[in-house]
Amino acid sequence: PQRPLWASTSTKNPDYRDVIYVEELIAPGTVNTMPESVIHAYADHGET
């Protein structure tokens, strides 16, 4: 299948949680492409 890939997932508004566009878009068969800073942020405090 052609998987949906969530792009532009770094938070542009500093008032928003820095991993919001990862945490709120979790589902089977998806891709989330992140800058390294977001990858490390999720590794540190992301909630699955």
All heavy atoms as atom14 arrays in JSON, in Angstrom:
{
  "sequence": "PQRPLWASTSTKNPDYRDVIYVEELIAPGTVNTMPESVIHAYADHGET",
  "atom14_mask": [
    [1, 1, 1, 1, 1, 1, 1, 0, 0, 0, 0, 0, 0, 0],
    [1, 1, 1, 1, 1, 1, 1, 1, 1, 0, 0, 0, 0, 0],
    [1, 1, 1, 1, 1, 1, 1, 1, 1, 1, 1, 0, 0, 0],
    [1, 1, 1, 1, 1, 1, 1, 0, 0, 0, 0, 0, 0, 0],
    [1, 1, 1, 1, 1, 1, 1, 1, 0, 0, 0, 0, 0, 0],
    [1, 1, 1, 1, 1, 1, 1, 1, 1, 1, 1, 1, 1, 1],
    [1, 1, 1, 1, 1, 0, 0, 0, 0, 0, 0, 0, 0, 0],
    [1, 1, 1, 1, 1, 1, 0, 0, 0, 0, 0, 0, 0, 0],
    [1, 1, 1, 1, 1, 1, 1, 0, 0, 0, 0, 0, 0, 0],
    [1, 1, 1, 1, 1, 1, 0, 0, 0, 0, 0, 0, 0, 0],
    [1, 1, 1, 1, 1, 1, 1, 0, 0, 0, 0, 0, 0, 0],
    [1, 1, 1, 1, 1, 1, 1, 1, 1, 0, 0, 0, 0, 0],
    [1, 1, 1, 1, 1, 1, 1, 1, 0, 0, 0, 0, 0, 0],
    [1, 1, 1, 1, 1, 1, 1, 0, 0, 0, 0, 0, 0, 0],
    [1, 1, 1, 1, 1, 1, 1, 1, 0, 0, 0, 0, 0, 0],
    [1, 1, 1, 1, 1, 1, 1, 1, 1, 1, 1, 1, 0, 0],
    [1, 1, 1, 1, 1, 1, 1, 1, 1, 1, 1, 0, 0, 0],
    [1, 1, 1, 1, 1, 1, 1, 1, 0, 0, 0, 0, 0, 0],
    [1, 1, 1, 1, 1, 1, 1, 0, 0, 0, 0, 0, 0, 0],
    [1, 1, 1, 1, 1, 1, 1, 1, 0, 0, 0, 0, 0, 0],
    [1, 1, 1, 1, 1, 1, 1, 1, 1, 1, 1, 1, 0, 0],
    [1, 1, 1, 1, 1, 1, 1, 0, 0, 0, 0, 0, 0, 0],
    [1, 1, 1, 1, 1, 1, 1, 1, 1, 0, 0, 0, 0, 0],
    [1, 1, 1, 1, 1, 1, 1, 1, 1, 0, 0, 0, 0, 0],
    [1, 1, 1, 1, 1, 1, 1, 1, 0, 0, 0, 0, 0, 0],
    [1, 1, 1, 1, 1, 1, 1, 1, 0, 0, 0, 0, 0, 0],
    [1, 1, 1, 1, 1, 0, 0, 0, 0, 0, 0, 0, 0, 0],
    [1, 1, 1, 1, 1, 1, 1, 0, 0, 0, 0, 0, 0, 0],
    [1, 1, 1, 1, 0, 0, 0, 0, 0, 0, 0, 0, 0, 0],
    [1, 1, 1, 1, 1, 1, 1, 0, 0, 0, 0, 0, 0, 0],
    [1, 1, 1, 1, 1, 1, 1, 0, 0, 0, 0, 0, 0, 0],
    [1, 1, 1, 1, 1, 1, 1, 1, 0, 0, 0, 0, 0, 0],
    [1, 1, 1, 1, 1, 1, 1, 0, 0, 0, 0, 0, 0, 0],
    [1, 1, 1, 1, 1, 1, 1, 1, 0, 0, 0, 0, 0, 0],
    [1, 1, 1, 1, 1, 1, 1, 0, 0, 0, 0, 0, 0, 0],
    [1, 1, 1, 1, 1, 1, 1, 1, 1, 0, 0, 0, 0, 0],
    [1, 1, 1, 1, 1, 1, 0, 0, 0, 0, 0, 0, 0, 0],
    [1, 1, 1, 1, 1, 1, 1, 0, 0, 0, 0, 0, 0, 0],
    [1, 1, 1, 1, 1, 1, 1, 1, 0, 0, 0, 0, 0, 0],
    [1, 1, 1, 1, 1, 1, 1, 1, 1, 1, 0, 0, 0, 0],
    [1, 1, 1, 1, 1, 0, 0, 0, 0, 0, 0, 0, 0, 0],
    [1, 1, 1, 1, 1, 1, 1, 1, 1, 1, 1, 1, 0, 0],
    [1, 1, 1, 1, 1, 0, 0, 0, 0, 0, 0, 0, 0, 0],
    [1, 1, 1, 1, 1, 1, 1, 1, 0, 0, 0, 0, 0, 0],
    [1, 1, 1, 1, 1, 1, 1, 1, 1, 1, 0, 0, 0, 0],
    [1, 1, 1, 1, 0, 0, 0, 0, 0, 0, 0, 0, 0, 0],
    [1, 1, 1, 1, 1, 1, 1, 1, 1, 0, 0, 0, 0, 0],
    [1, 1, 1, 1, 1, 1, 1, 0, 0, 0, 0, 0, 0, 0]
  ],
  "atom14_positions": [
    [[0.82, -1.22, 0.0], [0.0, 0.0, 0.0], [0.85, 1.26, 0.0], [2.0, 1.25, 0.43], [-0.81, -0.12, 1.3], [-0.02, -1.05, 2.16], [0.67, -2.01, 1.24], [0.0, 0.0, 0.0], [0.0, 0.0, 0.0], [0.0, 0.0, 0.0], [0.0, 0.0, 0.0], [0.0, 0.0, 0.0], [0.0, 0.0, 0.0], [0.0, 0.0, 0.0]],
    [[0.26, 2.32, -0.48], [0.91, 3.64, -0.43], [0.62, 4.22, 0.95], [-0.47, 4.68, 1.24], [0.34, 4.55, -1.52], [0.96, 5.94, -1.55], [0.21, 6.88, -2.49], [-0.99, 7.07, -2.34], [0.91, 7.43, -3.46], [0.0, 0.0, 0.0], [0.0, 0.0, 0.0], [0.0, 0.0, 0.0], [0.0, 0.0, 0.0], [0.0, 0.0, 0.0]],
    [[1.65, 4.21, 1.81], [1.43, 4.64, 3.18], [1.3, 6.16, 3.29], [2.03, 6.89, 2.6], [2.58, 4.17, 4.08], [2.61, 2.69, 4.32], [3.77, 2.3, 5.22], [5.06, 2.55, 4.59], [6.23, 2.4, 5.22], [6.26, 2.04, 6.48], [7.35, 2.63, 4.57], [0.0, 0.0, 0.0], [0.0, 0.0, 0.0], [0.0, 0.0, 0.0]],
    [[0.43, 6.65, 4.15], [0.43, 8.09, 4.45], [1.67, 8.44, 5.26], [2.01, 7.74, 6.23], [-0.85, 8.29, 5.26], [-1.23, 6.95, 5.77], [-0.64, 5.93, 4.85], [0.0, 0.0, 0.0], [0.0, 0.0, 0.0], [0.0, 0.0, 0.0], [0.0, 0.0, 0.0], [0.0, 0.0, 0.0], [0.0, 0.0, 0.0], [0.0, 0.0, 0.0]],
    [[2.36, 9.47, 4.84], [3.56, 9.96, 5.53], [3.25, 11.34, 6.08], [2.88, 12.25, 5.34], [4.74, 10.0, 4.56], [6.08, 10.52, 5.09], [7.25, 9.9, 4.31], [6.19, 12.05, 4.98], [0.0, 0.0, 0.0], [0.0, 0.0, 0.0], [0.0, 0.0, 0.0], [0.0, 0.0, 0.0], [0.0, 0.0, 0.0], [0.0, 0.0, 0.0]],
    [[3.38, 11.5, 7.38], [3.15, 12.8, 8.01], [4.43, 13.62, 7.88], [5.47, 13.29, 8.44], [2.75, 12.64, 9.47], [1.67, 11.63, 9.71], [1.71, 10.59, 10.6], [0.39, 11.54, 9.07], [0.54, 9.86, 10.54], [-0.29, 10.42, 9.61], [-0.25, 12.28, 8.07], [-1.57, 10.03, 9.2], [-1.52, 11.9, 7.65], [-2.16, 10.81, 8.22]],
    [[4.34, 14.69, 7.1], [5.49, 15.56, 6.84], [5.26, 16.91, 7.52], [4.15, 17.22, 7.94], [5.67, 15.78, 5.33], [0.0, 0.0, 0.0], [0.0, 0.0, 0.0], [0.0, 0.0, 0.0], [0.0, 0.0, 0.0], [0.0, 0.0, 0.0], [0.0, 0.0, 0.0], [0.0, 0.0, 0.0], [0.0, 0.0, 0.0], [0.0, 0.0, 0.0]],
    [[6.33, 17.69, 7.63], [6.26, 18.97, 8.32], [5.74, 18.76, 9.74], [4.75, 19.33, 10.16], [5.36, 19.95, 7.55], [5.36, 21.23, 8.14], [0.0, 0.0, 0.0], [0.0, 0.0, 0.0], [0.0, 0.0, 0.0], [0.0, 0.0, 0.0], [0.0, 0.0, 0.0], [0.0, 0.0, 0.0], [0.0, 0.0, 0.0], [0.0, 0.0, 0.0]],
    [[6.47, 17.93, 10.49], [6.0, 17.54, 11.82], [6.76, 18.23, 12.95], [6.54, 17.91, 14.12], [6.1, 16.02, 12.01], [7.43, 15.57, 11.75], [5.13, 15.31, 11.09], [0.0, 0.0, 0.0], [0.0, 0.0, 0.0], [0.0, 0.0, 0.0], [0.0, 0.0, 0.0], [0.0, 0.0, 0.0], [0.0, 0.0, 0.0], [0.0, 0.0, 0.0]],
    [[7.66, 19.15, 12.62], [8.25, 19.96, 13.68], [7.26, 21.05, 14.05], [6.54, 21.58, 13.21], [9.57, 20.58, 13.23], [9.36, 21.45, 12.13], [0.0, 0.0, 0.0], [0.0, 0.0, 0.0], [0.0, 0.0, 0.0], [0.0, 0.0, 0.0], [0.0, 0.0, 0.0], [0.0, 0.0, 0.0], [0.0, 0.0, 0.0], [0.0, 0.0, 0.0]],
    [[7.18, 21.37, 15.33], [6.2, 22.34, 15.81], [6.67, 23.76, 15.51], [7.74, 24.17, 15.95], [5.98, 22.17, 17.32], [5.64, 20.81, 17.59], [4.87, 23.06, 17.81], [0.0, 0.0, 0.0], [0.0, 0.0, 0.0], [0.0, 0.0, 0.0], [0.0, 0.0, 0.0], [0.0, 0.0, 0.0], [0.0, 0.0, 0.0], [0.0, 0.0, 0.0]],
    [[5.86, 24.49, 14.77], [6.23, 25.86, 14.41], [5.87, 26.85, 15.51], [6.5, 27.89, 15.65], [5.53, 26.26, 13.1], [5.78, 25.31, 11.93], [7.24, 25.21, 11.57], [7.46, 24.42, 10.29], [7.19, 22.98, 10.42], [0.0, 0.0, 0.0], [0.0, 0.0, 0.0], [0.0, 0.0, 0.0], [0.0, 0.0, 0.0], [0.0, 0.0, 0.0]],
    [[4.84, 26.53, 16.29], [4.41, 27.41, 17.38], [5.01, 26.9, 18.69], [4.7, 25.8, 19.13], [2.88, 27.41, 17.47], [2.35, 28.44, 18.46], [3.01, 28.78, 19.44], [1.14, 28.93, 18.22], [0.0, 0.0, 0.0], [0.0, 0.0, 0.0], [0.0, 0.0, 0.0], [0.0, 0.0, 0.0], [0.0, 0.0, 0.0], [0.0, 0.0, 0.0]],
    [[5.87, 27.68, 19.34], [6.51, 27.21, 20.57], [5.54, 26.97, 21.72], [5.9, 26.34, 22.72], [7.49, 28.34, 20.91], [6.94, 29.55, 20.22], [6.3, 29.04, 18.97], [0.0, 0.0, 0.0], [0.0, 0.0, 0.0], [0.0, 0.0, 0.0], [0.0, 0.0, 0.0], [0.0, 0.0, 0.0], [0.0, 0.0, 0.0], [0.0, 0.0, 0.0]],
    [[4.3, 27.47, 21.59], [3.31, 27.23, 22.63], [2.78, 25.79, 22.59], [2.15, 25.33, 23.54], [2.13, 28.19, 22.48], [2.52, 29.63, 22.76], [3.5, 29.83, 23.5], [1.86, 30.55, 22.24], [0.0, 0.0, 0.0], [0.0, 0.0, 0.0], [0.0, 0.0, 0.0], [0.0, 0.0, 0.0], [0.0, 0.0, 0.0], [0.0, 0.0, 0.0]],
    [[3.02, 25.09, 21.46], [2.52, 23.73, 21.32], [3.58, 22.72, 21.76], [4.78, 22.99, 21.65], [2.13, 23.44, 19.86], [1.03, 24.33, 19.32], [0.86, 24.51, 17.95], [0.16, 25.0, 20.17], [-0.15, 25.31, 17.44], [-0.85, 25.81, 19.68], [-1.0, 25.97, 18.31], [-1.99, 26.77, 17.83], [0.0, 0.0, 0.0], [0.0, 0.0, 0.0]],
    [[3.14, 21.58, 22.22], [4.05, 20.51, 22.61], [4.94, 20.15, 21.42], [4.45, 20.01, 20.28], [3.25, 19.31, 23.09], [4.07, 18.16, 23.64], [3.17, 17.18, 24.37], [3.81, 15.89, 24.64], [4.62, 15.68, 25.66], [4.89, 16.66, 26.51], [5.15, 14.48, 25.85], [0.0, 0.0, 0.0], [0.0, 0.0, 0.0], [0.0, 0.0, 0.0]],
    [[6.22, 19.97, 21.66], [7.16, 19.81, 20.55], [7.01, 18.49, 19.8], [7.54, 18.35, 18.69], [8.62, 19.96, 21.03], [9.0, 18.99, 22.14], [8.13, 18.22, 22.6], [10.17, 19.01, 22.56], [0.0, 0.0, 0.0], [0.0, 0.0, 0.0], [0.0, 0.0, 0.0], [0.0, 0.0, 0.0], [0.0, 0.0, 0.0], [0.0, 0.0, 0.0]],
    [[6.26, 17.55, 20.36], [6.05, 16.28, 19.66], [4.56, 16.04, 19.39], [4.13, 14.91, 19.15], [6.63, 15.1, 20.48], [8.15, 15.14, 20.47], [6.1, 15.08, 21.91], [0.0, 0.0, 0.0], [0.0, 0.0, 0.0], [0.0, 0.0, 0.0], [0.0, 0.0, 0.0], [0.0, 0.0, 0.0], [0.0, 0.0, 0.0], [0.0, 0.0, 0.0]],
    [[3.79, 17.1, 19.36], [2.33, 16.97, 19.18], [1.98, 16.29, 17.86], [1.05, 15.49, 17.79], [1.63, 18.35, 19.3], [0.11, 18.18, 19.22], [2.14, 19.32, 18.22], [-0.64, 19.48, 19.44], [0.0, 0.0, 0.0], [0.0, 0.0, 0.0], [0.0, 0.0, 0.0], [0.0, 0.0, 0.0], [0.0, 0.0, 0.0], [0.0, 0.0, 0.0]],
    [[2.75, 16.6, 16.79], [2.42, 16.06, 15.48], [2.95, 14.64, 15.28], [2.8, 14.07, 14.21], [2.93, 16.98, 14.39], [2.35, 18.38, 14.48], [3.16, 19.5, 14.57], [0.97, 18.57, 14.48], [2.63, 20.77, 14.67], [0.43, 19.84, 14.57], [1.26, 20.94, 14.67], [0.73, 22.2, 14.76], [0.0, 0.0, 0.0], [0.0, 0.0, 0.0]],
    [[3.53, 14.11, 16.32], [3.88, 12.68, 16.35], [2.87, 11.95, 17.24], [2.24, 10.98, 16.84], [5.31, 12.45, 16.85], [5.66, 10.96, 16.78], [6.31, 13.27, 16.04], [0.0, 0.0, 0.0], [0.0, 0.0, 0.0], [0.0, 0.0, 0.0], [0.0, 0.0, 0.0], [0.0, 0.0, 0.0], [0.0, 0.0, 0.0], [0.0, 0.0, 0.0]],
    [[2.7, 12.45, 18.45], [1.82, 11.79, 19.42], [0.38, 11.69, 18.95], [-0.3, 10.69, 19.21], [1.85, 12.54, 20.75], [3.18, 12.47, 21.48], [3.21, 13.31, 22.74], [2.44, 14.3, 22.81], [4.0, 12.98, 23.64], [0.0, 0.0, 0.0], [0.0, 0.0, 0.0], [0.0, 0.0, 0.0], [0.0, 0.0, 0.0], [0.0, 0.0, 0.0]],
    [[-0.1, 12.72, 18.26], [-1.51, 12.76, 17.86], [-1.77, 12.08, 16.52], [-2.91, 12.04, 16.06], [-2.0, 14.21, 17.81], [-1.92, 14.94, 19.13], [-2.72, 14.26, 20.24], [-3.79, 13.71, 19.94], [-2.26, 14.25, 21.4], [0.0, 0.0, 0.0], [0.0, 0.0, 0.0], [0.0, 0.0, 0.0], [0.0, 0.0, 0.0], [0.0, 0.0, 0.0]],
    [[-0.72, 11.54, 15.89], [-0.88, 10.93, 14.57], [-0.25, 9.54, 14.55], [0.54, 9.19, 13.68], [-0.27, 11.82, 13.49], [-0.96, 13.18, 13.31], [-0.22, 14.04, 12.31], [-2.42, 12.99, 12.88], [0.0, 0.0, 0.0], [0.0, 0.0, 0.0], [0.0, 0.0, 0.0], [0.0, 0.0, 0.0], [0.0, 0.0, 0.0], [0.0, 0.0, 0.0]],
    [[-0.62, 8.73, 15.54], [-0.12, 7.36, 15.64], [-1.21, 6.41, 15.14], [-2.33, 6.42, 15.64], [0.26, 7.02, 17.09], [1.41, 7.92, 17.57], [0.64, 5.55, 17.21], [1.75, 7.76, 19.04], [0.0, 0.0, 0.0], [0.0, 0.0, 0.0], [0.0, 0.0, 0.0], [0.0, 0.0, 0.0], [0.0, 0.0, 0.0], [0.0, 0.0, 0.0]],
    [[-0.86, 5.61, 14.14], [-1.78, 4.6, 13.62], [-0.98, 3.6, 12.79], [0.08, 3.94, 12.25], [-2.88, 5.24, 12.77], [0.0, 0.0, 0.0], [0.0, 0.0, 0.0], [0.0, 0.0, 0.0], [0.0, 0.0, 0.0], [0.0, 0.0, 0.0], [0.0, 0.0, 0.0], [0.0, 0.0, 0.0], [0.0, 0.0, 0.0], [0.0, 0.0, 0.0]],
    [[-1.47, 2.39, 12.65], [-0.75, 1.38, 11.87], [-0.58, 1.79, 10.41], [-1.46, 2.43, 9.83], [-1.66, 0.15, 11.99], [-2.46, 0.37, 13.22], [-2.67, 1.84, 13.3], [0.0, 0.0, 0.0], [0.0, 0.0, 0.0], [0.0, 0.0, 0.0], [0.0, 0.0, 0.0], [0.0, 0.0, 0.0], [0.0, 0.0, 0.0], [0.0, 0.0, 0.0]],
    [[0.56, 1.44, 9.84], [0.79, 1.65, 8.42], [1.1, 3.08, 8.05], [0.85, 3.48, 6.91], [0.0, 0.0, 0.0], [0.0, 0.0, 0.0], [0.0, 0.0, 0.0], [0.0, 0.0, 0.0], [0.0, 0.0, 0.0], [0.0, 0.0, 0.0], [0.0, 0.0, 0.0], [0.0, 0.0, 0.0], [0.0, 0.0, 0.0], [0.0, 0.0, 0.0]],
    [[1.64, 3.87, 8.97], [1.97, 5.27, 8.68], [3.48, 5.49, 8.8], [4.21, 4.67, 9.35], [1.25, 6.23, 9.63], [1.63, 5.94, 10.98], [-0.26, 6.09, 9.49], [0.0, 0.0, 0.0], [0.0, 0.0, 0.0], [0.0, 0.0, 0.0], [0.0, 0.0, 0.0], [0.0, 0.0, 0.0], [0.0, 0.0, 0.0], [0.0, 0.0, 0.0]],
    [[3.9, 6.63, 8.28], [5.29, 7.08, 8.38], [5.27, 8.48, 8.98], [4.38, 9.28, 8.67], [5.98, 7.13, 6.99], [7.42, 7.63, 7.12], [5.94, 5.77, 6.32], [0.0, 0.0, 0.0], [0.0, 0.0, 0.0], [0.0, 0.0, 0.0], [0.0, 0.0, 0.0], [0.0, 0.0, 0.0], [0.0, 0.0, 0.0], [0.0, 0.0, 0.0]],
    [[6.24, 8.78, 9.84], [6.38, 10.14, 10.35], [7.83, 10.55, 10.1], [8.75, 9.96, 10.66], [6.06, 10.23, 11.84], [5.77, 11.65, 12.28], [6.58, 12.55, 12.06], [4.61, 11.86, 12.9], [0.0, 0.0, 0.0], [0.0, 0.0, 0.0], [0.0, 0.0, 0.0], [0.0, 0.0, 0.0], [0.0, 0.0, 0.0], [0.0, 0.0, 0.0]],
    [[8.03, 11.53, 9.22], [9.38, 11.99, 8.91], [9.67, 13.23, 9.74], [8.93, 14.21, 9.7], [9.58, 12.24, 7.4], [10.94, 12.6, 7.16], [8.66, 13.32, 6.88], [0.0, 0.0, 0.0], [0.0, 0.0, 0.0], [0.0, 0.0, 0.0], [0.0, 0.0, 0.0], [0.0, 0.0, 0.0], [0.0, 0.0, 0.0], [0.0, 0.0, 0.0]],
    [[10.75, 13.19, 10.52], [11.03, 14.21, 11.51], [12.46, 14.74, 11.38], [13.36, 13.98, 11.04], [10.9, 13.64, 12.93], [9.72, 12.75, 13.18], [9.85, 11.96, 14.82], [8.99, 10.41, 14.5], [0.0, 0.0, 0.0], [0.0, 0.0, 0.0], [0.0, 0.0, 0.0], [0.0, 0.0, 0.0], [0.0, 0.0, 0.0], [0.0, 0.0, 0.0]],
    [[12.67, 16.02, 11.68], [14.04, 16.49, 11.87], [14.64, 15.73, 13.05], [13.92, 15.23, 13.92], [13.86, 17.97, 12.2], [12.49, 18.32, 11.75], [11.67, 17.08, 11.88], [0.0, 0.0, 0.0], [0.0, 0.0, 0.0], [0.0, 0.0, 0.0], [0.0, 0.0, 0.0], [0.0, 0.0, 0.0], [0.0, 0.0, 0.0], [0.0, 0.0, 0.0]],
    [[15.97, 15.68, 13.11], [16.61, 14.93, 14.19], [16.21, 15.45, 15.56], [16.1, 14.68, 16.52], [18.13, 14.96, 14.03], [18.84, 14.05, 15.01], [20.33, 13.95, 14.78], [20.85, 14.62, 13.86], [20.99, 13.2, 15.52], [0.0, 0.0, 0.0], [0.0, 0.0, 0.0], [0.0, 0.0, 0.0], [0.0, 0.0, 0.0], [0.0, 0.0, 0.0]],
    [[15.97, 16.75, 15.67], [15.6, 17.32, 16.97], [14.29, 16.74, 17.47], [14.12, 16.51, 18.68], [15.48, 18.85, 16.86], [14.49, 19.21, 15.9], [0.0, 0.0, 0.0], [0.0, 0.0, 0.0], [0.0, 0.0, 0.0], [0.0, 0.0, 0.0], [0.0, 0.0, 0.0], [0.0, 0.0, 0.0], [0.0, 0.0, 0.0], [0.0, 0.0, 0.0]],
    [[13.35, 16.5, 16.57], [12.06, 15.92, 16.98], [12.23, 14.45, 17.33], [11.6, 13.95, 18.27], [11.01, 16.12, 15.87], [9.68, 15.48, 16.26], [10.8, 17.6, 15.59], [0.0, 0.0, 0.0], [0.0, 0.0, 0.0], [0.0, 0.0, 0.0], [0.0, 0.0, 0.0], [0.0, 0.0, 0.0], [0.0, 0.0, 0.0], [0.0, 0.0, 0.0]],
    [[13.08, 13.75, 16.59], [13.36, 12.35, 16.92], [13.9, 12.24, 18.35], [13.44, 11.42, 19.15], [14.35, 11.74, 15.92], [13.69, 11.59, 14.54], [14.86, 10.38, 16.41], [14.63, 11.13, 13.45], [0.0, 0.0, 0.0], [0.0, 0.0, 0.0], [0.0, 0.0, 0.0], [0.0, 0.0, 0.0], [0.0, 0.0, 0.0], [0.0, 0.0, 0.0]],
    [[14.86, 13.1, 18.68], [15.44, 13.06, 20.02], [14.42, 13.5, 21.08], [14.4, 12.97, 22.19], [16.68, 13.93, 20.09], [17.84, 13.38, 19.31], [18.21, 12.06, 19.36], [18.72, 13.98, 18.46], [19.26, 11.86, 18.58], [19.59, 13.0, 18.02], [0.0, 0.0, 0.0], [0.0, 0.0, 0.0], [0.0, 0.0, 0.0], [0.0, 0.0, 0.0]],
    [[13.57, 14.47, 20.73], [12.55, 14.92, 21.67], [11.57, 13.79, 21.98], [11.19, 13.57, 23.13], [11.8, 16.13, 21.12], [0.0, 0.0, 0.0], [0.0, 0.0, 0.0], [0.0, 0.0, 0.0], [0.0, 0.0, 0.0], [0.0, 0.0, 0.0], [0.0, 0.0, 0.0], [0.0, 0.0, 0.0], [0.0, 0.0, 0.0], [0.0, 0.0, 0.0]],
    [[11.18, 13.05, 20.94], [10.25, 11.93, 21.18], [10.93, 10.84, 22.0], [10.31, 10.25, 22.9], [9.73, 11.36, 19.86], [8.46, 10.56, 20.08], [7.22, 11.18, 19.98], [8.5, 9.22, 20.43], [6.05, 10.47, 20.22], [7.34, 8.5, 20.67], [6.11, 9.14, 20.57], [4.96, 8.44, 20.83], [0.0, 0.0, 0.0], [0.0, 0.0, 0.0]],
    [[12.19, 10.58, 21.7], [12.92, 9.58, 22.46], [13.01, 9.97, 23.94], [13.01, 9.11, 24.83], [14.33, 9.4, 21.89], [0.0, 0.0, 0.0], [0.0, 0.0, 0.0], [0.0, 0.0, 0.0], [0.0, 0.0, 0.0], [0.0, 0.0, 0.0], [0.0, 0.0, 0.0], [0.0, 0.0, 0.0], [0.0, 0.0, 0.0], [0.0, 0.0, 0.0]],
    [[13.02, 11.27, 24.2], [13.14, 11.76, 25.57], [11.82, 11.79, 26.32], [11.74, 11.39, 27.48], [13.75, 13.17, 25.55], [13.89, 13.75, 26.95], [14.73, 13.24, 27.7], [13.14, 14.7, 27.28], [0.0, 0.0, 0.0], [0.0, 0.0, 0.0], [0.0, 0.0, 0.0], [0.0, 0.0, 0.0], [0.0, 0.0, 0.0], [0.0, 0.0, 0.0]],
    [[10.74, 12.27, 25.67], [9.49, 12.46, 26.41], [8.22, 12.21, 25.6], [7.12, 12.58, 26.03], [9.43, 13.88, 27.0], [9.65, 14.96, 25.98], [10.88, 15.53, 25.76], [8.79, 15.58, 25.12], [10.77, 16.47, 24.82], [9.51, 16.5, 24.42], [0.0, 0.0, 0.0], [0.0, 0.0, 0.0], [0.0, 0.0, 0.0], [0.0, 0.0, 0.0]],
    [[8.35, 11.58, 24.44], [7.16, 11.26, 23.66], [6.3, 10.21, 24.35], [6.81, 9.33, 25.05], [0.0, 0.0, 0.0], [0.0, 0.0, 0.0], [0.0, 0.0, 0.0], [0.0, 0.0, 0.0], [0.0, 0.0, 0.0], [0.0, 0.0, 0.0], [0.0, 0.0, 0.0], [0.0, 0.0, 0.0], [0.0, 0.0, 0.0], [0.0, 0.0, 0.0]],
    [[4.99, 10.3, 24.13], [4.05, 9.35, 24.73], [3.32, 8.59, 23.64], [2.59, 9.18, 22.84], [3.04, 10.09, 25.61], [3.67, 10.81, 26.79], [2.64, 11.55, 27.64], [1.42, 11.4, 27.36], [3.04, 12.27, 28.56], [0.0, 0.0, 0.0], [0.0, 0.0, 0.0], [0.0, 0.0, 0.0], [0.0, 0.0, 0.0], [0.0, 0.0, 0.0]],
    [[3.54, 7.28, 23.6], [2.85, 6.42, 22.64], [1.62, 5.85, 23.35], [1.73, 4.98, 24.21], [3.77, 5.29, 22.15], [4.94, 5.86, 21.56], [3.06, 4.42, 21.13], [0.0, 0.0, 0.0], [0.0, 0.0, 0.0], [0.0, 0.0, 0.0], [0.0, 0.0, 0.0], [0.0, 0.0, 0.0], [0.0, 0.0, 0.0], [0.0, 0.0, 0.0]]
  ]
}
